[in-house]
Amino acid sequence: DHLLLVNKDSLKGFFENRRLHDNVTSFYASFDKETYSYNFGNIAAMINYYKRQKKEAFDLTYYLV
């Protein structure tokens, strides 16, 4: 009923270090049975975070867990 979306560069150590979703490098969502979808909320914070961190073009690769 739930999904965790974790950025590729944050996956290593995510579970070992017992990290929680931060809505920047990882997102948590519940399944909506009415719309048959997951809502990860506003991803603007994630885009702004990586835009500040990276000076050149970047690839955002996320894994569904």
N, C-alpha and C. Protein backbone atom coordinates (compact mmCIF):
# COMPACT_ATOMS: atom_id res chain seq x y z
N ASP A 1 0.80 -1.21 0.00
CA ASP A 1 0.00 0.00 0.00
C ASP A 1 0.84 1.27 0.00
N HIS A 2 2.16 1.13 0.18
CA HIS A 2 3.03 2.30 0.24
C HIS A 2 4.24 2.11 -0.67
N LEU A 3 4.77 3.23 -1.13
CA LEU A 3 5.99 3.21 -1.94
C LEU A 3 6.99 4.20 -1.37
N LEU A 4 8.25 3.84 -1.50
CA LEU A 4 9.34 4.73 -1.13
C LEU A 4 10.13 4.99 -2.39
N LEU A 5 10.34 6.24 -2.71
CA LEU A 5 11.10 6.65 -3.88
C LEU A 5 12.41 7.24 -3.37
N VAL A 6 13.53 6.60 -3.72
CA VAL A 6 14.84 7.01 -3.21
C VAL A 6 15.76 7.33 -4.38
N ASN A 7 16.44 8.47 -4.30
CA ASN A 7 17.38 8.84 -5.34
C ASN A 7 18.55 7.86 -5.37
N LYS A 8 19.03 7.57 -6.57
CA LYS A 8 20.12 6.62 -6.77
C LYS A 8 21.34 6.99 -5.92
N ASP A 9 21.68 8.28 -5.86
CA ASP A 9 22.87 8.67 -5.11
C ASP A 9 22.66 8.65 -3.59
N SER A 10 21.44 8.44 -3.14
CA SER A 10 21.14 8.38 -1.71
C SER A 10 20.80 6.97 -1.24
N LEU A 11 20.72 6.03 -2.17
CA LEU A 11 20.29 4.67 -1.82
C LEU A 11 21.30 3.94 -0.95
N LYS A 12 22.59 4.09 -1.28
CA LYS A 12 23.62 3.40 -0.50
C LYS A 12 23.58 3.91 0.94
N GLY A 13 23.36 3.02 1.86
CA GLY A 13 23.30 3.36 3.28
C GLY A 13 21.95 3.85 3.76
N PHE A 14 20.99 3.99 2.86
CA PHE A 14 19.68 4.51 3.26
C PHE A 14 19.05 3.63 4.35
N PHE A 15 19.00 2.33 4.09
CA PHE A 15 18.38 1.42 5.06
C PHE A 15 19.34 1.07 6.19
N GLU A 16 20.63 0.91 5.86
CA GLU A 16 21.61 0.56 6.89
C GLU A 16 21.71 1.65 7.96
N ASN A 17 21.57 2.90 7.55
CA ASN A 17 21.66 4.02 8.48
C ASN A 17 20.29 4.46 9.00
N ARG A 18 19.28 3.68 8.67
CA ARG A 18 17.91 3.92 9.15
C ARG A 18 17.42 5.34 8.86
N ARG A 19 17.69 5.80 7.66
CA ARG A 19 17.25 7.14 7.27
C ARG A 19 15.75 7.14 7.02
N LEU A 20 15.18 8.31 7.17
CA LEU A 20 13.76 8.52 6.89
C LEU A 20 13.62 9.35 5.62
N HIS A 21 12.47 9.30 5.00
CA HIS A 21 12.25 10.11 3.80
C HIS A 21 12.33 11.58 4.18
N ASP A 22 12.91 12.37 3.29
CA ASP A 22 13.11 13.79 3.57
C ASP A 22 12.42 14.71 2.55
N ASN A 23 11.70 14.12 1.61
CA ASN A 23 11.00 14.87 0.55
C ASN A 23 11.95 15.71 -0.30
N VAL A 24 13.22 15.32 -0.32
CA VAL A 24 14.20 15.93 -1.21
C VAL A 24 14.93 14.84 -1.97
N THR A 25 15.57 13.94 -1.25
CA THR A 25 16.26 12.83 -1.90
C THR A 25 15.46 11.54 -1.80
N SER A 26 14.38 11.56 -1.03
CA SER A 26 13.51 10.39 -0.90
C SER A 26 12.09 10.86 -0.58
N PHE A 27 11.13 10.08 -1.09
CA PHE A 27 9.72 10.42 -0.93
C PHE A 27 8.94 9.17 -0.53
N TYR A 28 7.90 9.35 0.27
CA TYR A 28 7.04 8.28 0.74
C TYR A 28 5.62 8.58 0.29
N ALA A 29 4.94 7.59 -0.22
CA ALA A 29 3.57 7.81 -0.69
C ALA A 29 2.69 6.62 -0.37
N SER A 30 1.43 6.91 -0.12
CA SER A 30 0.41 5.88 0.11
C SER A 30 -0.40 5.70 -1.16
N PHE A 31 -0.93 4.51 -1.32
CA PHE A 31 -1.77 4.21 -2.48
C PHE A 31 -3.16 4.78 -2.27
N ASP A 32 -3.66 5.50 -3.26
CA ASP A 32 -5.02 6.04 -3.22
C ASP A 32 -5.92 5.08 -3.99
N LYS A 33 -6.79 4.38 -3.26
CA LYS A 33 -7.65 3.37 -3.87
C LYS A 33 -8.71 3.96 -4.79
N GLU A 34 -9.03 5.22 -4.62
CA GLU A 34 -10.03 5.86 -5.48
C GLU A 34 -9.46 6.21 -6.85
N THR A 35 -8.21 6.66 -6.88
CA THR A 35 -7.60 7.07 -8.15
C THR A 35 -6.59 6.05 -8.67
N TYR A 36 -6.35 4.99 -7.90
CA TYR A 36 -5.37 3.97 -8.25
C TYR A 36 -4.02 4.61 -8.58
N SER A 37 -3.58 5.47 -7.68
CA SER A 37 -2.32 6.17 -7.92
C SER A 37 -1.61 6.46 -6.61
N TYR A 38 -0.36 6.87 -6.73
CA TYR A 38 0.44 7.31 -5.60
C TYR A 38 0.70 8.79 -5.78
N ASN A 39 0.61 9.55 -4.70
CA ASN A 39 0.90 10.98 -4.76
C ASN A 39 2.15 11.24 -3.94
N PHE A 40 3.20 11.67 -4.62
CA PHE A 40 4.45 11.97 -3.93
C PHE A 40 4.54 13.43 -3.53
N GLY A 41 3.48 14.17 -3.71
CA GLY A 41 3.46 15.56 -3.28
C GLY A 41 4.26 16.47 -4.19
N ASN A 42 4.64 17.59 -3.66
CA ASN A 42 5.36 18.60 -4.41
C ASN A 42 6.83 18.23 -4.52
N ILE A 43 7.32 18.04 -5.73
CA ILE A 43 8.72 17.65 -5.92
C ILE A 43 9.61 18.86 -6.23
N ALA A 44 9.08 20.07 -6.07
CA ALA A 44 9.86 21.28 -6.34
C ALA A 44 11.10 21.36 -5.44
N ALA A 45 10.99 20.95 -4.18
CA ALA A 45 12.14 20.99 -3.27
C ALA A 45 13.26 20.10 -3.79
N MET A 46 12.91 18.96 -4.35
CA MET A 46 13.91 18.04 -4.91
C MET A 46 14.60 18.68 -6.11
N ILE A 47 13.84 19.25 -7.01
CA ILE A 47 14.42 19.87 -8.20
C ILE A 47 15.32 21.04 -7.81
N ASN A 48 14.87 21.88 -6.89
CA ASN A 48 15.68 23.01 -6.44
C ASN A 48 16.95 22.56 -5.73
N TYR A 49 16.86 21.51 -4.94
CA TYR A 49 18.03 20.97 -4.23
C TYR A 49 19.11 20.55 -5.22
N TYR A 50 18.74 19.77 -6.21
CA TYR A 50 19.73 19.29 -7.18
C TYR A 50 20.20 20.41 -8.11
N LYS A 51 19.37 21.36 -8.37
CA LYS A 51 19.79 22.50 -9.19
C LYS A 51 20.87 23.31 -8.47
N ARG A 52 20.74 23.46 -7.16
CA ARG A 52 21.76 24.17 -6.37
C ARG A 52 23.04 23.35 -6.23
N GLN A 53 22.90 22.02 -6.10
CA GLN A 53 24.05 21.15 -5.88
C GLN A 53 24.88 20.93 -7.14
N LYS A 54 24.26 20.88 -8.27
CA LYS A 54 24.93 20.56 -9.54
C LYS A 54 25.01 21.80 -10.41
N LYS A 55 26.18 22.05 -10.94
CA LYS A 55 26.36 23.21 -11.81
C LYS A 55 26.02 22.89 -13.27
N GLU A 56 26.23 21.64 -13.66
CA GLU A 56 25.94 21.23 -15.03
C GLU A 56 24.67 20.38 -15.06
N ALA A 57 24.29 19.96 -16.23
CA ALA A 57 23.10 19.12 -16.37
C ALA A 57 23.25 17.86 -15.52
N PHE A 58 22.16 17.39 -14.96
CA PHE A 58 22.22 16.23 -14.07
C PHE A 58 21.09 15.27 -14.39
N ASP A 59 21.31 14.02 -14.01
CA ASP A 59 20.34 12.96 -14.25
C ASP A 59 19.76 12.54 -12.91
N LEU A 60 18.46 12.68 -12.75
CA LEU A 60 17.80 12.25 -11.53
C LEU A 60 17.27 10.85 -11.73
N THR A 61 17.93 9.90 -11.11
CA THR A 61 17.50 8.51 -11.17
C THR A 61 16.98 8.12 -9.80
N TYR A 62 15.73 7.71 -9.75
CA TYR A 62 15.11 7.29 -8.50
C TYR A 62 14.70 5.83 -8.59
N TYR A 63 14.75 5.15 -7.45
CA TYR A 63 14.32 3.76 -7.37
C TYR A 63 13.04 3.68 -6.55
N LEU A 64 12.11 2.85 -6.99
CA LEU A 64 10.91 2.57 -6.21
C LEU A 64 11.18 1.39 -5.32
N VAL A 65 10.89 1.55 -4.04
CA VAL A 65 11.13 0.48 -3.08
C VAL A 65 9.82 0.11 -2.43
